[in-house]
Amino acid sequence: HPNAVYVLKMDKTLISSDIELQSMVYIIVYLVILLISTLALSAMDIDLITSFSGSVATLGTIGPGFGKTIGSMGNFSTLPDAAKYIFSTNM
């Protein structure tokens, strides 16, 4: 229905608009930090896959990233010190 008003529910409990707003702000801030850290790492001549996957891995604390440098068989030791500071800040 094009004019319907939908209410957000979770386990039959209404979710207030404040909770919706806070959730959206959290997601947006997370994505902005991810974008900024990826761009900062790319500016250090780190390839885009390593920059993005390293940012995701450290921001979400999910383990290794993708690529030869920080993949499952690599580590962060070969990256510049500034990149390590960015990754540490993400954590």
PDB file of N, CA and C in Angstrom:
ATOM      1  N   HIS A   1       0.840  -1.165   0.000  1.00  0.00           N
ATOM      2  CA  HIS A   1       0.000   0.000   0.000  1.00  0.00           C
ATOM      3  C   HIS A   1       0.895   1.241   0.000  1.00  0.00           C
ATOM      4  N   PRO A   2       0.725   2.152  -0.946  1.00  0.00           N
ATOM      5  CA  PRO A   2       1.648   3.281  -1.079  1.00  0.00           C
ATOM      6  C   PRO A   2       1.559   4.311   0.048  1.00  0.00           C
ATOM      7  N   ASN A   3       0.448   4.396   0.736  1.00  0.00           N
ATOM      8  CA  ASN A   3       0.291   5.391   1.802  1.00  0.00           C
ATOM      9  C   ASN A   3       0.354   4.775   3.192  1.00  0.00           C
ATOM     10  N   ALA A   4       0.792   3.553   3.280  1.00  0.00           N
ATOM     11  CA  ALA A   4       0.829   2.869   4.571  1.00  0.00           C
ATOM     12  C   ALA A   4       1.956   3.419   5.435  1.00  0.00           C
ATOM     13  N   VAL A   5       1.737   3.361   6.737  1.00  0.00           N
ATOM     14  CA  VAL A   5       2.755   3.743   7.713  1.00  0.00           C
ATOM     15  C   VAL A   5       3.190   2.456   8.398  1.00  0.00           C
ATOM     16  N   TYR A   6       4.457   2.111   8.232  1.00  0.00           N
ATOM     17  CA  TYR A   6       4.967   0.878   8.802  1.00  0.00           C
ATOM     18  C   TYR A   6       5.668   1.169  10.120  1.00  0.00           C
ATOM     19  N   VAL A   7       5.421   0.314  11.092  1.00  0.00           N
ATOM     20  CA  VAL A   7       6.046   0.441  12.398  1.00  0.00           C
ATOM     21  C   VAL A   7       7.105  -0.648  12.511  1.00  0.00           C
ATOM     22  N   LEU A   8       8.291  -0.259  12.948  1.00  0.00           N
ATOM     23  CA  LEU A   8       9.381  -1.210  13.094  1.00  0.00           C
ATOM     24  C   LEU A   8       9.198  -1.996  14.383  1.00  0.00           C
ATOM     25  N   LYS A   9       9.210  -3.331  14.263  1.00  0.00           N
ATOM     26  CA  LYS A   9       9.035  -4.198  15.421  1.00  0.00           C
ATOM     27  C   LYS A   9      10.172  -5.197  15.487  1.00  0.00           C
ATOM     28  N   MET A  10      10.471  -5.609  16.713  1.00  0.00           N
ATOM     29  CA  MET A  10      11.450  -6.663  16.932  1.00  0.00           C
ATOM     30  C   MET A  10      10.906  -7.548  18.043  1.00  0.00           C
ATOM     31  N   ASP A  11      10.677  -8.804  17.727  1.00  0.00           N
ATOM     32  CA  ASP A  11      10.069  -9.741  18.680  1.00  0.00           C
ATOM     33  C   ASP A  11       8.759  -9.196  19.239  1.00  0.00           C
ATOM     34  N   LYS A  12       7.924  -8.685  18.366  1.00  0.00           N
ATOM     35  CA  LYS A  12       6.612  -8.140  18.701  1.00  0.00           C
ATOM     36  C   LYS A  12       6.679  -6.917  19.615  1.00  0.00           C
ATOM     37  N   THR A  13       7.850  -6.310  19.714  1.00  0.00           N
ATOM     38  CA  THR A  13       8.026  -5.103  20.516  1.00  0.00           C
ATOM     39  C   THR A  13       8.293  -3.942  19.573  1.00  0.00           C
ATOM     40  N   LEU A  14       7.595  -2.845  19.790  1.00  0.00           N
ATOM     41  CA  LEU A  14       7.790  -1.674  18.950  1.00  0.00           C
ATOM     42  C   LEU A  14       9.159  -1.056  19.205  1.00  0.00           C
ATOM     43  N   ILE A  15       9.807  -0.656  18.143  1.00  0.00           N
ATOM     44  CA  ILE A  15      11.096   0.022  18.239  1.00  0.00           C
ATOM     45  C   ILE A  15      10.828   1.515  18.103  1.00  0.00           C
ATOM     46  N   SER A  16      11.293   2.284  19.078  1.00  0.00           N
ATOM     47  CA  SER A  16      11.028   3.721  19.055  1.00  0.00           C
ATOM     48  C   SER A  16      11.846   4.398  17.962  1.00  0.00           C
ATOM     49  N   SER A  17      11.407   5.583  17.591  1.00  0.00           N
ATOM     50  CA  SER A  17      12.117   6.323  16.552  1.00  0.00           C
ATOM     51  C   SER A  17      13.504   6.751  17.027  1.00  0.00           C
ATOM     52  N   ASP A  18      13.688   6.924  18.343  1.00  0.00           N
ATOM     53  CA  ASP A  18      15.014   7.256  18.868  1.00  0.00           C
ATOM     54  C   ASP A  18      15.998   6.111  18.625  1.00  0.00           C
ATOM     55  N   ILE A  19      15.554   4.897  18.852  1.00  0.00           N
ATOM     56  CA  ILE A  19      16.407   3.729  18.619  1.00  0.00           C
ATOM     57  C   ILE A  19      16.717   3.598  17.128  1.00  0.00           C
ATOM     58  N   GLU A  20      15.723   3.839  16.284  1.00  0.00           N
ATOM     59  CA  GLU A  20      15.951   3.798  14.841  1.00  0.00           C
ATOM     60  C   GLU A  20      17.006   4.821  14.437  1.00  0.00           C
ATOM     61  N   LEU A  21      16.887   6.037  14.943  1.00  0.00           N
ATOM     62  CA  LEU A  21      17.830   7.100  14.613  1.00  0.00           C
ATOM     63  C   LEU A  21      19.232   6.766  15.105  1.00  0.00           C
ATOM     64  N   GLN A  22      19.337   6.274  16.331  1.00  0.00           N
ATOM     65  CA  GLN A  22      20.646   5.914  16.877  1.00  0.00           C
ATOM     66  C   GLN A  22      21.294   4.791  16.073  1.00  0.00           C
ATOM     67  N   SER A  23      20.501   3.843  15.634  1.00  0.00           N
ATOM     68  CA  SER A  23      21.024   2.742  14.820  1.00  0.00           C
ATOM     69  C   SER A  23      21.528   3.244  13.476  1.00  0.00           C
ATOM     70  N   MET A  24      20.767   4.140  12.864  1.00  0.00           N
ATOM     71  CA  MET A  24      21.185   4.685  11.575  1.00  0.00           C
ATOM     72  C   MET A  24      22.442   5.539  11.720  1.00  0.00           C
ATOM     73  N   VAL A  25      22.538   6.316  12.782  1.00  0.00           N
ATOM     74  CA  VAL A  25      23.730   7.130  13.019  1.00  0.00           C
ATOM     75  C   VAL A  25      24.942   6.231  13.218  1.00  0.00           C
ATOM     76  N   TYR A  26      24.784   5.148  13.974  1.00  0.00           N
ATOM     77  CA  TYR A  26      25.885   4.211  14.191  1.00  0.00           C
ATOM     78  C   TYR A  26      26.375   3.630  12.865  1.00  0.00           C
ATOM     79  N   ILE A  27      25.458   3.192  12.032  1.00  0.00           N
ATOM     80  CA  ILE A  27      25.825   2.597  10.745  1.00  0.00           C
ATOM     81  C   ILE A  27      26.519   3.619   9.853  1.00  0.00           C
ATOM     82  N   ILE A  28      26.000   4.838   9.816  1.00  0.00           N
ATOM     83  CA  ILE A  28      26.604   5.881   8.982  1.00  0.00           C
ATOM     84  C   ILE A  28      28.000   6.231   9.480  1.00  0.00           C
ATOM     85  N   VAL A  29      28.180   6.385  10.793  1.00  0.00           N
ATOM     86  CA  VAL A  29      29.500   6.698  11.352  1.00  0.00           C
ATOM     87  C   VAL A  29      30.474   5.561  11.065  1.00  0.00           C
ATOM     88  N   TYR A  30      30.024   4.322  11.197  1.00  0.00           N
ATOM     89  CA  TYR A  30      30.859   3.155  10.891  1.00  0.00           C
ATOM     90  C   TYR A  30      31.344   3.204   9.443  1.00  0.00           C
ATOM     91  N   LEU A  31      30.426   3.471   8.522  1.00  0.00           N
ATOM     92  CA  LEU A  31      30.786   3.512   7.107  1.00  0.00           C
ATOM     93  C   LEU A  31      31.695   4.695   6.781  1.00  0.00           C
ATOM     94  N   VAL A  32      31.478   5.838   7.436  1.00  0.00           N
ATOM     95  CA  VAL A  32      32.336   7.005   7.207  1.00  0.00           C
ATOM     96  C   VAL A  32      33.751   6.725   7.700  1.00  0.00           C
ATOM     97  N   ILE A  33      33.884   6.123   8.876  1.00  0.00           N
ATOM     98  CA  ILE A  33      35.211   5.768   9.391  1.00  0.00           C
ATOM     99  C   ILE A  33      35.883   4.761   8.460  1.00  0.00           C
ATOM    100  N   LEU A  34      35.121   3.810   7.966  1.00  0.00           N
ATOM    101  CA  LEU A  34      35.651   2.828   7.014  1.00  0.00           C
ATOM    102  C   LEU A  34      36.154   3.516   5.748  1.00  0.00           C
ATOM    103  N   LEU A  35      35.382   4.448   5.233  1.00  0.00           N
ATOM    104  CA  LEU A  35      35.773   5.172   4.024  1.00  0.00           C
ATOM    105  C   LEU A  35      37.020   6.021   4.259  1.00  0.00           C
ATOM    106  N   ILE A  36      37.049   6.750   5.366  1.00  0.00           N
ATOM    107  CA  ILE A  36      38.194   7.621   5.660  1.00  0.00           C
ATOM    108  C   ILE A  36      39.466   6.802   5.843  1.00  0.00           C
ATOM    109  N   SER A  37      39.380   5.714   6.593  1.00  0.00           N
ATOM    110  CA  SER A  37      40.587   4.915   6.815  1.00  0.00           C
ATOM    111  C   SER A  37      41.045   4.234   5.529  1.00  0.00           C
ATOM    112  N   THR A  38      40.114   3.798   4.691  1.00  0.00           N
ATOM    113  CA  THR A  38      40.488   3.196   3.411  1.00  0.00           C
ATOM    114  C   THR A  38      41.175   4.215   2.511  1.00  0.00           C
ATOM    115  N   LEU A  39      40.638   5.422   2.453  1.00  0.00           N
ATOM    116  CA  LEU A  39      41.253   6.462   1.624  1.00  0.00           C
ATOM    117  C   LEU A  39      42.616   6.878   2.165  1.00  0.00           C
ATOM    118  N   ALA A  40      42.741   6.978   3.484  1.00  0.00           N
ATOM    119  CA  ALA A  40      44.031   7.347   4.081  1.00  0.00           C
ATOM    120  C   ALA A  40      45.088   6.291   3.790  1.00  0.00           C
ATOM    121  N   LEU A  41      44.706   5.035   3.873  1.00  0.00           N
ATOM    122  CA  LEU A  41      45.653   3.957   3.577  1.00  0.00           C
ATOM    123  C   LEU A  41      46.002   3.916   2.094  1.00  0.00           C
ATOM    124  N   SER A  42      45.027   4.181   1.246  1.00  0.00           N
ATOM    125  CA  SER A  42      45.293   4.212  -0.190  1.00  0.00           C
ATOM    126  C   SER A  42      46.234   5.357  -0.545  1.00  0.00           C
ATOM    127  N   ALA A  43      46.156   6.447   0.192  1.00  0.00           N
ATOM    128  CA  ALA A  43      47.055   7.581  -0.042  1.00  0.00           C
ATOM    129  C   ALA A  43      48.502   7.233   0.303  1.00  0.00           C
ATOM    130  N   MET A  44      48.708   6.172   1.072  1.00  0.00           N
ATOM    131  CA  MET A  44      50.062   5.719   1.429  1.00  0.00           C
ATOM    132  C   MET A  44      50.596   4.695   0.435  1.00  0.00           C
ATOM    133  N   ASP A  45      50.000   4.640  -0.737  1.00  0.00           N
ATOM    134  CA  ASP A  45      50.383   3.694  -1.792  1.00  0.00           C
ATOM    135  C   ASP A  45      50.171   2.243  -1.393  1.00  0.00           C
ATOM    136  N   ILE A  46      49.161   1.993  -0.588  1.00  0.00           N
ATOM    137  CA  ILE A  46      48.746   0.628  -0.269  1.00  0.00           C
ATOM    138  C   ILE A  46      47.595   0.306  -1.213  1.00  0.00           C
ATOM    139  N   ASP A  47      47.622  -0.872  -1.831  1.00  0.00           N
ATOM    140  CA  ASP A  47      46.592  -1.192  -2.816  1.00  0.00           C
ATOM    141  C   ASP A  47      45.209  -1.180  -2.178  1.00  0.00           C
ATOM    142  N   LEU A  48      44.198  -0.973  -3.028  1.00  0.00           N
ATOM    143  CA  LEU A  48      42.834  -0.764  -2.545  1.00  0.00           C
ATOM    144  C   LEU A  48      42.276  -1.981  -1.814  1.00  0.00           C
ATOM    145  N   ILE A  49      42.569  -3.179  -2.286  1.00  0.00           N
ATOM    146  CA  ILE A  49      42.066  -4.386  -1.620  1.00  0.00           C
ATOM    147  C   ILE A  49      42.639  -4.491  -0.212  1.00  0.00           C
ATOM    148  N   THR A  50      43.920  -4.260  -0.076  1.00  0.00           N
ATOM    149  CA  THR A  50      44.550  -4.318   1.242  1.00  0.00           C
ATOM    150  C   THR A  50      44.028  -3.204   2.137  1.00  0.00           C
ATOM    151  N   SER A  51      43.867  -2.006   1.581  1.00  0.00           N
ATOM    152  CA  SER A  51      43.364  -0.873   2.361  1.00  0.00           C
ATOM    153  C   SER A  51      41.954  -1.143   2.873  1.00  0.00           C
ATOM    154  N   PHE A  52      41.081  -1.582   1.971  1.00  0.00           N
ATOM    155  CA  PHE A  52      39.692  -1.810   2.358  1.00  0.00           C
ATOM    156  C   PHE A  52      39.552  -2.999   3.302  1.00  0.00           C
ATOM    157  N   SER A  53      40.158  -4.118   2.944  1.00  0.00           N
ATOM    158  CA  SER A  53      39.991  -5.309   3.781  1.00  0.00           C
ATOM    159  C   SER A  53      40.678  -5.143   5.130  1.00  0.00           C
ATOM    160  N   GLY A  54      41.800  -4.431   5.160  1.00  0.00           N
ATOM    161  CA  GLY A  54      42.449  -4.156   6.437  1.00  0.00           C
ATOM    162  C   GLY A  54      41.605  -3.252   7.311  1.00  0.00           C
ATOM    163  N   SER A  55      40.961  -2.267   6.694  1.00  0.00           N
ATOM    164  CA  SER A  55      40.080  -1.376   7.450  1.00  0.00           C
ATOM    165  C   SER A  55      38.874  -2.129   7.995  1.00  0.00           C
ATOM    166  N   VAL A  56      38.292  -2.982   7.173  1.00  0.00           N
ATOM    167  CA  VAL A  56      37.149  -3.786   7.628  1.00  0.00           C
ATOM    168  C   VAL A  56      37.575  -4.735   8.742  1.00  0.00           C
ATOM    169  N   ALA A  57      38.722  -5.381   8.566  1.00  0.00           N
ATOM    170  CA  ALA A  57      39.195  -6.353   9.553  1.00  0.00           C
ATOM    171  C   ALA A  57      39.485  -5.698  10.896  1.00  0.00           C
ATOM    172  N   THR A  58      40.097  -4.519  10.875  1.00  0.00           N
ATOM    173  CA  THR A  58      40.441  -3.877  12.146  1.00  0.00           C
ATOM    174  C   THR A  58      39.268  -3.125  12.750  1.00  0.00           C
ATOM    175  N   LEU A  59      38.435  -2.521  11.929  1.00  0.00           N
ATOM    176  CA  LEU A  59      37.273  -1.806  12.464  1.00  0.00           C
ATOM    177  C   LEU A  59      36.272  -2.781  13.069  1.00  0.00           C
ATOM    178  N   GLY A  60      36.109  -3.929  12.438  1.00  0.00           N
ATOM    179  CA  GLY A  60      35.189  -4.933  12.952  1.00  0.00           C
ATOM    180  C   GLY A  60      35.849  -5.975  13.825  1.00  0.00           C
ATOM    181  N   THR A  61      37.152  -5.870  14.009  1.00  0.00           N
ATOM    182  CA  THR A  61      37.957  -6.854  14.746  1.00  0.00           C
ATOM    183  C   THR A  61      37.569  -8.287  14.363  1.00  0.00           C
ATOM    184  N   ILE A  62      37.681  -8.560  13.063  1.00  0.00           N
ATOM    185  CA  ILE A  62      37.238  -9.859  12.556  1.00  0.00           C
ATOM    186  C   ILE A  62      38.367 -10.764  12.115  1.00  0.00           C
ATOM    187  N   GLY A  63      39.611 -10.334  12.275  1.00  0.00           N
ATOM    188  CA  GLY A  63      40.721 -11.195  11.898  1.00  0.00           C
ATOM    189  C   GLY A  63      41.467 -10.670  10.698  1.00  0.00           C
ATOM    190  N   PRO A  64      42.047 -11.565   9.895  1.00  0.00           N
ATOM    191  CA  PRO A  64      42.884 -11.116   8.777  1.00  0.00           C
ATOM    192  C   PRO A  64      42.064 -10.510   7.647  1.00  0.00           C
ATOM    193  N   GLY A  65      42.736  -9.700   6.850  1.00  0.00           N
ATOM    194  CA  GLY A  65      42.098  -9.122   5.679  1.00  0.00           C
ATOM    195  C   GLY A  65      42.360  -9.971   4.455  1.00  0.00           C
ATOM    196  N   PHE A  66      42.222  -9.375   3.283  1.00  0.00           N
ATOM    197  CA  PHE A  66      42.478 -10.057   2.021  1.00  0.00           C
ATOM    198  C   PHE A  66      43.735  -9.485   1.396  1.00  0.00           C
ATOM    199  N   GLY A  67      44.278 -10.206   0.478  1.00  0.00           N
ATOM    200  CA  GLY A  67      45.472  -9.747  -0.221  1.00  0.00           C
ATOM    201  C   GLY A  67      46.710 -10.465   0.275  1.00  0.00           C
ATOM    202  N   LYS A  68      47.814 -10.230  -0.416  1.00  0.00           N
ATOM    203  CA  LYS A  68      49.060 -10.910  -0.068  1.00  0.00           C
ATOM    204  C   LYS A  68      49.667 -10.364   1.215  1.00  0.00           C
ATOM    205  N   THR A  69      49.496  -9.077   1.453  1.00  0.00           N
ATOM    206  CA  THR A  69      50.160  -8.443   2.594  1.00  0.00           C
ATOM    207  C   THR A  69      49.525  -8.831   3.921  1.00  0.00           C
ATOM    208  N   ILE A  70      48.208  -8.684   4.033  1.00  0.00           N
ATOM    209  CA  ILE A  70      47.545  -8.923   5.323  1.00  0.00           C
ATOM    210  C   ILE A  70      46.532 -10.056   5.235  1.00  0.00           C
ATOM    211  N   GLY A  71      46.710 -10.931   4.293  1.00  0.00           N
ATOM    212  CA  GLY A  71      45.814 -12.071   4.144  1.00  0.00           C
ATOM    213  C   GLY A  71      46.037 -13.101   5.233  1.00  0.00           C
ATOM    214  N   SER A  72      45.478 -14.261   5.046  1.00  0.00           N
ATOM    215  CA  SER A  72      45.559 -15.306   6.068  1.00  0.00           C
ATOM    216  C   SER A  72      46.988 -15.780   6.311  1.00  0.00           C
ATOM    217  N   MET A  73      47.863 -15.624   5.337  1.00  0.00           N
ATOM    218  CA  MET A  73      49.258 -16.042   5.499  1.00  0.00           C
ATOM    219  C   MET A  73      50.197 -14.855   5.697  1.00  0.00           C
ATOM    220  N   GLY A  74      49.655 -13.656   5.802  1.00  0.00           N
ATOM    221  CA  GLY A  74      50.476 -12.456   5.959  1.00  0.00           C
ATOM    222  C   GLY A  74      50.258 -11.815   7.313  1.00  0.00           C
ATOM    223  N   ASN A  75      50.864 -10.652   7.493  1.00  0.00           N
ATOM    224  CA  ASN A  75      50.657  -9.885   8.716  1.00  0.00           C
ATOM    225  C   ASN A  75      50.855  -8.409   8.418  1.00  0.00           C
ATOM    226  N   PHE A  76      50.687  -7.589   9.431  1.00  0.00           N
ATOM    227  CA  PHE A  76      50.725  -6.146   9.259  1.00  0.00           C
ATOM    228  C   PHE A  76      52.141  -5.572   9.387  1.00  0.00           C
ATOM    229  N   SER A  77      53.138  -6.399   9.598  1.00  0.00           N
ATOM    230  CA  SER A  77      54.484  -5.901   9.893  1.00  0.00           C
ATOM    231  C   SER A  77      55.136  -5.186   8.717  1.00  0.00           C
ATOM    232  N   THR A  78      54.748  -5.509   7.498  1.00  0.00           N
ATOM    233  CA  THR A  78      55.379  -4.887   6.335  1.00  0.00           C
ATOM    234  C   THR A  78      54.779  -3.535   5.973  1.00  0.00           C
ATOM    235  N   LEU A  79      53.693  -3.164   6.621  1.00  0.00           N
ATOM    236  CA  LEU A  79      53.037  -1.893   6.316  1.00  0.00           C
ATOM    237  C   LEU A  79      53.743  -0.741   7.017  1.00  0.00           C
ATOM    238  N   PRO A  80      53.580   0.482   6.502  1.00  0.00           N
ATOM    239  CA  PRO A  80      54.202   1.643   7.157  1.00  0.00           C
ATOM    240  C   PRO A  80      53.644   1.864   8.568  1.00  0.00           C
ATOM    241  N   ASP A  81      54.420   2.543   9.400  1.00  0.00           N
ATOM    242  CA  ASP A  81      53.983   2.803  10.774  1.00  0.00           C
ATOM    243  C   ASP A  81      52.682   3.594  10.816  1.00  0.00           C
ATOM    244  N   ALA A  82      52.513   4.547   9.906  1.00  0.00           N
ATOM    245  CA  ALA A  82      51.283   5.344   9.879  1.00  0.00           C
ATOM    246  C   ALA A  82      50.065   4.455   9.626  1.00  0.00           C
ATOM    247  N   ALA A  83      50.216   3.447   8.781  1.00  0.00           N
ATOM    248  CA  ALA A  83      49.114   2.518   8.520  1.00  0.00           C
ATOM    249  C   ALA A  83      48.780   1.719   9.771  1.00  0.00           C
ATOM    250  N   LYS A  84      49.793   1.342  10.515  1.00  0.00           N
ATOM    251  CA  LYS A  84      49.558   0.599  11.757  1.00  0.00           C
ATOM    252  C   LYS A  84      48.821   1.461  12.772  1.00  0.00           C
ATOM    253  N   TYR A  85      49.128   2.760  12.806  1.00  0.00           N
ATOM    254  CA  TYR A  85      48.405   3.668  13.705  1.00  0.00           C
ATOM    255  C   TYR A  85      46.938   3.789  13.297  1.00  0.00           C
ATOM    256  N   ILE A  86      46.682   3.840  12.002  1.00  0.00           N
ATOM    257  CA  ILE A  86      45.295   3.896  11.531  1.00  0.00           C
ATOM    258  C   ILE A  86      44.564   2.616  11.909  1.00  0.00           C
ATOM    259  N   PHE A  87      45.199   1.477  11.693  1.00  0.00           N
ATOM    260  CA  PHE A  87      44.569   0.209  12.056  1.00  0.00           C
ATOM    261  C   PHE A  87      44.340   0.117  13.563  1.00  0.00           C
ATOM    262  N   SER A  88      45.281   0.586  14.348  1.00  0.00           N
ATOM    263  CA  SER A  88      45.123   0.562  15.808  1.00  0.00           C
ATOM    264  C   SER A  88      43.977   1.460  16.245  1.00  0.00           C
ATOM    265  N   THR A  89      43.859   2.612  15.605  1.00  0.00           N
ATOM    266  CA  THR A  89      42.753   3.521  15.922  1.00  0.00           C
ATOM    267  C   THR A  89      41.418   2.890  15.543  1.00  0.00           C
ATOM    268  N   ASN A  90      41.387   2.182  14.428  1.00  0.00           N
ATOM    269  CA  ASN A  90      40.155   1.500  14.029  1.00  0.00           C
ATOM    270  C   ASN A  90      39.715   0.482  15.075  1.00  0.00           C
ATOM    271  N   MET A  91      40.678  -0.183  15.675  1.00  0.00           N
ATOM    272  CA  MET A  91      40.330  -1.188  16.683  1.00  0.00           C
ATOM    273  C   MET A  91      39.777  -0.520  17.921  1.00  0.00           C
TER     274      MET A  91
END
